[in-house]
N, C-alpha and C. Protein backbone atom coordinates (compact mmCIF):
# COMPACT_ATOMS: atom_id res chain seq x y z
N MET A 1 224.75 157.64 72.65
CA MET A 1 225.03 156.22 72.69
C MET A 1 223.78 155.43 73.08
N LEU A 2 223.11 155.90 74.13
CA LEU A 2 221.89 155.22 74.57
C LEU A 2 220.81 155.29 73.50
N ARG A 3 220.75 156.43 72.81
CA ARG A 3 219.76 156.61 71.75
C ARG A 3 220.00 155.61 70.62
N HIS A 4 221.26 155.37 70.24
CA HIS A 4 221.57 154.42 69.18
C HIS A 4 221.24 152.99 69.61
N SER A 5 221.48 152.65 70.85
CA SER A 5 221.16 151.31 71.36
C SER A 5 219.66 151.06 71.36
N LEU A 6 218.89 152.07 71.78
CA LEU A 6 217.44 151.93 71.78
C LEU A 6 216.90 151.81 70.36
N ALA A 7 217.43 152.61 69.46
CA ALA A 7 216.97 152.55 68.07
C ALA A 7 217.29 151.19 67.46
N GLY A 8 218.49 150.67 67.73
CA GLY A 8 218.86 149.36 67.22
C GLY A 8 217.97 148.27 67.79
N GLY A 9 217.64 148.36 69.07
CA GLY A 9 216.76 147.39 69.71
C GLY A 9 215.36 147.42 69.11
N LEU A 10 214.86 148.61 68.82
CA LEU A 10 213.54 148.73 68.20
C LEU A 10 213.51 148.13 66.80
N VAL A 11 214.58 148.33 66.05
CA VAL A 11 214.66 147.78 64.70
C VAL A 11 214.66 146.25 64.77
N LEU A 12 215.44 145.68 65.67
CA LEU A 12 215.47 144.22 65.82
C LEU A 12 214.12 143.67 66.26
N ALA A 13 213.45 144.35 67.18
CA ALA A 13 212.14 143.91 67.65
C ALA A 13 211.11 143.96 66.52
N ALA A 14 211.14 145.03 65.73
CA ALA A 14 210.21 145.15 64.61
C ALA A 14 210.48 144.07 63.56
N ALA A 15 211.75 143.80 63.29
CA ALA A 15 212.10 142.78 62.30
C ALA A 15 211.65 141.40 62.76
N SER A 16 211.83 141.09 64.03
CA SER A 16 211.40 139.77 64.51
C SER A 16 209.89 139.63 64.49
N CYS A 17 209.16 140.68 64.78
CA CYS A 17 207.69 140.63 64.69
C CYS A 17 207.25 140.41 63.24
N PHE A 18 207.91 141.07 62.31
CA PHE A 18 207.59 140.93 60.89
C PHE A 18 207.86 139.51 60.42
N LEU A 19 209.01 138.94 60.80
CA LEU A 19 209.34 137.59 60.39
C LEU A 19 208.40 136.56 61.02
N ALA A 20 208.01 136.76 62.26
CA ALA A 20 207.08 135.84 62.91
C ALA A 20 205.72 135.88 62.23
N ALA A 21 205.25 137.05 61.88
CA ALA A 21 203.96 137.18 61.20
C ALA A 21 204.03 136.57 59.80
N GLY A 22 205.18 136.68 59.14
CA GLY A 22 205.33 136.12 57.80
C GLY A 22 205.24 134.61 57.79
N SER A 23 205.77 133.95 58.81
CA SER A 23 205.73 132.49 58.82
C SER A 23 204.32 131.97 59.09
N VAL A 24 203.53 132.67 59.86
CA VAL A 24 202.16 132.25 60.10
C VAL A 24 201.32 132.41 58.85
N ALA A 25 201.50 133.49 58.11
CA ALA A 25 200.73 133.74 56.90
C ALA A 25 201.10 132.75 55.79
N HIS A 26 202.29 132.13 55.88
CA HIS A 26 202.76 131.21 54.86
C HIS A 26 201.98 129.89 54.87
N ALA A 27 201.28 129.59 55.95
CA ALA A 27 200.55 128.33 56.05
C ALA A 27 199.39 128.25 55.07
N ASP A 28 198.76 129.35 54.77
CA ASP A 28 197.63 129.35 53.84
C ASP A 28 198.12 129.71 52.44
N ILE A 29 197.68 128.93 51.44
CA ILE A 29 198.02 129.26 50.07
C ILE A 29 196.98 130.22 49.52
N TYR A 30 197.36 131.02 48.55
CA TYR A 30 196.44 131.95 47.93
C TYR A 30 195.72 131.21 46.81
N ALA A 31 194.48 130.87 47.04
CA ALA A 31 193.67 130.15 46.06
C ALA A 31 192.24 130.67 46.18
N PRO A 32 191.96 131.88 45.63
CA PRO A 32 190.66 132.49 45.84
C PRO A 32 189.49 131.74 45.20
N TYR A 33 189.74 130.95 44.16
CA TYR A 33 188.64 130.27 43.47
C TYR A 33 188.54 128.79 43.83
N ALA A 34 189.41 128.30 44.67
CA ALA A 34 189.36 126.91 45.12
C ALA A 34 188.73 126.84 46.50
N ARG A 35 187.93 125.81 46.73
CA ARG A 35 187.36 125.62 48.06
C ARG A 35 188.40 125.04 49.01
N ALA A 36 189.32 124.24 48.46
CA ALA A 36 190.39 123.66 49.27
C ALA A 36 191.57 123.36 48.36
N GLY A 37 192.73 123.27 48.95
CA GLY A 37 193.93 122.94 48.19
C GLY A 37 195.10 122.71 49.13
N ALA A 38 196.09 122.00 48.62
CA ALA A 38 197.26 121.72 49.44
C ALA A 38 198.45 121.36 48.57
N ILE A 39 199.63 121.62 49.11
CA ILE A 39 200.87 121.13 48.55
C ILE A 39 201.36 120.06 49.52
N VAL A 40 201.43 118.82 49.05
CA VAL A 40 201.82 117.68 49.88
C VAL A 40 203.22 117.23 49.46
N ASP A 41 204.11 117.13 50.43
CA ASP A 41 205.48 116.69 50.17
C ASP A 41 205.54 115.18 49.98
N ALA A 42 206.65 114.69 49.45
CA ALA A 42 206.82 113.25 49.20
C ALA A 42 206.75 112.43 50.48
N ASP A 43 207.13 113.02 51.61
CA ASP A 43 207.07 112.28 52.88
C ASP A 43 205.69 112.37 53.53
N GLY A 44 204.74 113.01 52.85
CA GLY A 44 203.38 113.14 53.36
C GLY A 44 203.13 114.40 54.15
N GLY A 45 204.17 115.19 54.36
CA GLY A 45 204.01 116.43 55.12
C GLY A 45 203.16 117.44 54.37
N LEU A 46 202.37 118.16 55.12
CA LEU A 46 201.51 119.19 54.56
C LEU A 46 202.31 120.48 54.49
N ASN A 47 202.60 120.94 53.28
CA ASN A 47 203.44 122.10 53.10
C ASN A 47 202.62 123.38 53.21
N ASN A 48 201.81 123.68 52.25
CA ASN A 48 200.88 124.81 52.29
C ASN A 48 199.48 124.27 52.07
N TYR A 49 198.47 125.00 52.56
CA TYR A 49 197.14 124.44 52.48
C TYR A 49 196.06 125.51 52.62
N LYS A 50 194.85 125.14 52.20
CA LYS A 50 193.65 125.92 52.40
C LYS A 50 192.51 124.93 52.63
N ASN A 51 191.87 125.00 53.77
CA ASN A 51 190.78 124.10 54.15
C ASN A 51 191.17 122.62 54.09
N VAL A 52 192.43 122.33 54.39
CA VAL A 52 192.90 120.96 54.51
C VAL A 52 193.41 120.79 55.94
N ILE A 53 192.95 119.74 56.60
CA ILE A 53 193.29 119.52 58.00
C ILE A 53 194.64 118.83 58.16
N SER A 54 194.86 117.76 57.38
CA SER A 54 196.11 117.02 57.52
C SER A 54 196.39 116.21 56.26
N SER A 55 197.64 115.77 56.15
CA SER A 55 198.03 114.83 55.11
C SER A 55 199.09 113.92 55.70
N GLU A 56 199.10 112.68 55.22
CA GLU A 56 200.10 111.75 55.70
C GLU A 56 200.39 110.69 54.65
N ARG A 57 201.60 110.17 54.71
CA ARG A 57 201.99 109.04 53.87
C ARG A 57 201.76 107.78 54.68
N VAL A 58 200.86 106.92 54.22
CA VAL A 58 200.51 105.73 54.99
C VAL A 58 201.30 104.49 54.54
N ALA A 59 201.82 104.53 53.33
CA ALA A 59 202.65 103.45 52.79
C ALA A 59 203.36 104.02 51.57
N THR A 60 204.23 103.24 50.97
CA THR A 60 204.95 103.71 49.79
C THR A 60 203.94 104.10 48.70
N GLY A 61 203.97 105.36 48.30
CA GLY A 61 203.09 105.84 47.24
C GLY A 61 201.63 106.00 47.61
N ARG A 62 201.28 105.84 48.88
CA ARG A 62 199.88 105.96 49.32
C ARG A 62 199.77 107.09 50.34
N TYR A 63 198.88 108.03 50.06
CA TYR A 63 198.72 109.22 50.88
C TYR A 63 197.26 109.43 51.25
N CYS A 64 197.04 110.03 52.41
CA CYS A 64 195.70 110.41 52.85
C CYS A 64 195.69 111.92 53.07
N VAL A 65 194.73 112.59 52.47
CA VAL A 65 194.57 114.04 52.62
C VAL A 65 193.19 114.28 53.22
N GLU A 66 193.17 114.76 54.46
CA GLU A 66 191.91 115.04 55.15
C GLU A 66 191.51 116.49 54.91
N VAL A 67 190.31 116.67 54.38
CA VAL A 67 189.81 117.98 54.01
C VAL A 67 188.84 118.47 55.09
N SER A 68 188.77 119.77 55.28
CA SER A 68 187.87 120.38 56.26
C SER A 68 186.42 119.95 56.01
N HIS A 69 185.65 119.88 57.07
CA HIS A 69 184.24 119.49 56.96
C HIS A 69 183.42 120.49 56.14
N LYS A 70 183.95 121.70 55.92
CA LYS A 70 183.24 122.71 55.12
C LYS A 70 183.18 122.33 53.64
N VAL A 71 184.07 121.42 53.21
CA VAL A 71 184.16 121.03 51.80
C VAL A 71 183.88 119.53 51.71
N ASP A 72 182.81 119.16 50.98
CA ASP A 72 182.47 117.75 50.81
C ASP A 72 183.22 117.19 49.61
N VAL A 73 184.08 116.19 49.82
CA VAL A 73 184.90 115.66 48.75
C VAL A 73 184.18 114.62 47.89
N THR A 74 183.04 114.13 48.33
CA THR A 74 182.38 113.05 47.60
C THR A 74 181.91 113.48 46.21
N GLY A 75 181.49 114.71 46.04
CA GLY A 75 181.02 115.16 44.73
C GLY A 75 181.81 116.32 44.17
N ALA A 76 182.97 116.60 44.73
CA ALA A 76 183.76 117.76 44.32
C ALA A 76 184.61 117.46 43.10
N LEU A 77 184.93 118.50 42.35
CA LEU A 77 185.87 118.40 41.24
C LEU A 77 187.26 118.55 41.83
N ILE A 78 188.12 117.54 41.61
CA ILE A 78 189.44 117.50 42.24
C ILE A 78 190.50 117.36 41.15
N GLN A 79 191.54 118.17 41.27
CA GLN A 79 192.66 118.10 40.33
C GLN A 79 193.93 117.84 41.13
N ILE A 80 194.74 116.89 40.65
CA ILE A 80 196.00 116.57 41.30
C ILE A 80 197.12 116.73 40.28
N THR A 81 198.17 117.44 40.68
CA THR A 81 199.31 117.71 39.82
C THR A 81 200.58 117.17 40.49
N PRO A 82 201.39 116.39 39.77
CA PRO A 82 202.62 115.88 40.38
C PRO A 82 203.65 116.98 40.58
N ARG A 83 204.50 116.82 41.58
CA ARG A 83 205.60 117.75 41.82
C ARG A 83 206.90 117.20 41.25
N ASP A 84 206.87 116.00 40.71
CA ASP A 84 208.02 115.36 40.07
C ASP A 84 207.55 114.83 38.71
N ALA A 85 208.33 115.06 37.68
CA ALA A 85 207.91 114.68 36.32
C ALA A 85 207.76 113.17 36.15
N ARG A 86 208.45 112.37 36.94
CA ARG A 86 208.38 110.92 36.81
C ARG A 86 207.31 110.28 37.69
N ARG A 87 206.48 111.07 38.34
CA ARG A 87 205.45 110.54 39.22
C ARG A 87 204.07 110.88 38.67
N LEU A 88 203.13 109.96 38.88
CA LEU A 88 201.76 110.15 38.40
C LEU A 88 200.79 109.89 39.55
N PRO A 89 200.30 110.96 40.19
CA PRO A 89 199.33 110.77 41.28
C PRO A 89 197.91 110.68 40.73
N HIS A 90 197.07 109.94 41.42
CA HIS A 90 195.66 109.90 41.06
C HIS A 90 194.84 109.63 42.31
N ILE A 91 193.55 109.96 42.23
CA ILE A 91 192.65 109.72 43.35
C ILE A 91 192.28 108.24 43.33
N ALA A 92 192.70 107.54 44.35
CA ALA A 92 192.38 106.12 44.44
C ALA A 92 190.97 105.94 45.00
N TYR A 93 190.66 106.68 46.05
CA TYR A 93 189.34 106.60 46.68
C TYR A 93 188.95 107.97 47.20
N ARG A 94 187.66 108.21 47.17
CA ARG A 94 187.11 109.35 47.90
C ARG A 94 186.54 108.79 49.19
N ASN A 95 186.14 109.66 50.07
CA ASN A 95 185.58 109.25 51.35
C ASN A 95 184.35 108.38 51.11
N PRO A 96 184.17 107.24 51.72
CA PRO A 96 185.11 106.49 52.57
C PRO A 96 186.07 105.67 51.71
N SER A 97 187.19 105.26 52.33
CA SER A 97 188.16 104.47 51.58
C SER A 97 188.81 103.44 52.49
N PRO A 98 189.23 102.32 51.92
CA PRO A 98 189.94 101.32 52.74
C PRO A 98 191.35 101.77 53.12
N THR A 99 191.91 102.73 52.39
CA THR A 99 193.26 103.22 52.69
C THR A 99 193.26 104.24 53.82
N CYS A 100 192.30 105.15 53.80
CA CYS A 100 192.24 106.25 54.77
C CYS A 100 190.97 106.15 55.59
N GLU A 101 191.13 106.10 56.89
CA GLU A 101 189.98 105.93 57.77
C GLU A 101 189.33 107.24 58.20
N GLY A 102 189.99 108.36 57.99
CA GLY A 102 189.46 109.64 58.42
C GLY A 102 188.23 110.06 57.65
N HIS A 103 187.41 110.89 58.27
CA HIS A 103 186.20 111.42 57.63
C HIS A 103 186.58 112.50 56.62
N ASN A 104 185.91 112.54 55.48
CA ASN A 104 186.12 113.53 54.43
C ASN A 104 187.58 113.53 53.96
N THR A 105 188.05 112.34 53.61
CA THR A 105 189.46 112.15 53.27
C THR A 105 189.62 111.60 51.86
N LEU A 106 190.66 112.07 51.18
CA LEU A 106 191.03 111.55 49.86
C LEU A 106 192.18 110.57 50.02
N ALA A 107 192.11 109.47 49.31
CA ALA A 107 193.24 108.55 49.22
C ALA A 107 193.90 108.79 47.87
N VAL A 108 195.15 109.18 47.89
CA VAL A 108 195.89 109.47 46.67
C VAL A 108 197.01 108.45 46.53
N HIS A 109 197.07 107.81 45.36
CA HIS A 109 198.15 106.88 45.07
C HIS A 109 199.05 107.51 44.01
N VAL A 110 200.36 107.36 44.19
CA VAL A 110 201.34 107.93 43.27
C VAL A 110 202.15 106.79 42.66
N TYR A 111 202.25 106.80 41.33
CA TYR A 111 202.99 105.76 40.62
C TYR A 111 204.22 106.33 39.93
N ASP A 112 205.26 105.52 39.84
CA ASP A 112 206.45 105.86 39.07
C ASP A 112 206.12 105.56 37.61
N THR A 113 206.29 106.52 36.72
CA THR A 113 205.90 106.34 35.32
C THR A 113 206.82 105.38 34.57
N SER A 114 208.04 105.18 35.03
CA SER A 114 208.94 104.27 34.32
C SER A 114 208.76 102.82 34.76
N THR A 115 208.37 102.57 36.01
CA THR A 115 208.21 101.19 36.49
C THR A 115 206.75 100.77 36.60
N GLY A 116 205.84 101.73 36.75
CA GLY A 116 204.43 101.41 36.92
C GLY A 116 204.08 100.97 38.33
N ARG A 117 205.02 101.10 39.26
CA ARG A 117 204.80 100.71 40.65
C ARG A 117 204.58 101.92 41.52
N LEU A 118 203.96 101.68 42.67
CA LEU A 118 203.78 102.77 43.64
C LEU A 118 205.13 103.31 44.07
N ALA A 119 205.20 104.65 44.17
CA ALA A 119 206.44 105.32 44.56
C ALA A 119 206.09 106.62 45.27
N ASP A 120 206.94 107.03 46.18
CA ASP A 120 206.72 108.28 46.88
C ASP A 120 206.92 109.46 45.94
N GLY A 121 206.06 110.45 46.07
CA GLY A 121 206.17 111.64 45.25
C GLY A 121 205.20 112.71 45.73
N GLY A 122 205.66 113.94 45.80
CA GLY A 122 204.81 115.04 46.23
C GLY A 122 203.83 115.44 45.14
N PHE A 123 202.77 116.13 45.55
CA PHE A 123 201.75 116.54 44.59
C PHE A 123 201.00 117.76 45.14
N ASP A 124 200.34 118.45 44.22
CA ASP A 124 199.43 119.54 44.56
C ASP A 124 198.01 119.04 44.33
N VAL A 125 197.12 119.38 45.24
CA VAL A 125 195.71 119.00 45.08
C VAL A 125 194.86 120.26 45.18
N THR A 126 193.90 120.40 44.27
CA THR A 126 192.98 121.52 44.25
C THR A 126 191.56 120.98 44.21
N ILE A 127 190.72 121.49 45.09
CA ILE A 127 189.32 121.07 45.14
C ILE A 127 188.45 122.29 44.88
N SER A 128 187.66 122.21 43.80
CA SER A 128 186.81 123.36 43.46
C SER A 128 185.35 123.01 43.56
């Protein structure tokens, strides 16, 4: 009886360690050929990332993505992909910008394709 209890406790402990390690590894996206990248949610939350410090929604359809100092965004090739078919994100400004005050930051504006107005929408950004 004691042997079964100990074995069950060890299995639970091992499973919790595995799950805890899995959630930490989930923060970095696998992008071996990109210098930086991120998945940004419609509310501005940073979902997954590589060499991206933060992201935030500063107004309707306006987002700031702060990139690590290791990657200079001023001359980088940047690709942005919408996460919603009716949204069209584009780079409004590179560092510096009137929208985003942070250093080495991208200002991304997202438009609704049916109205042509700014609208919230998630996007993927890749910097190579």
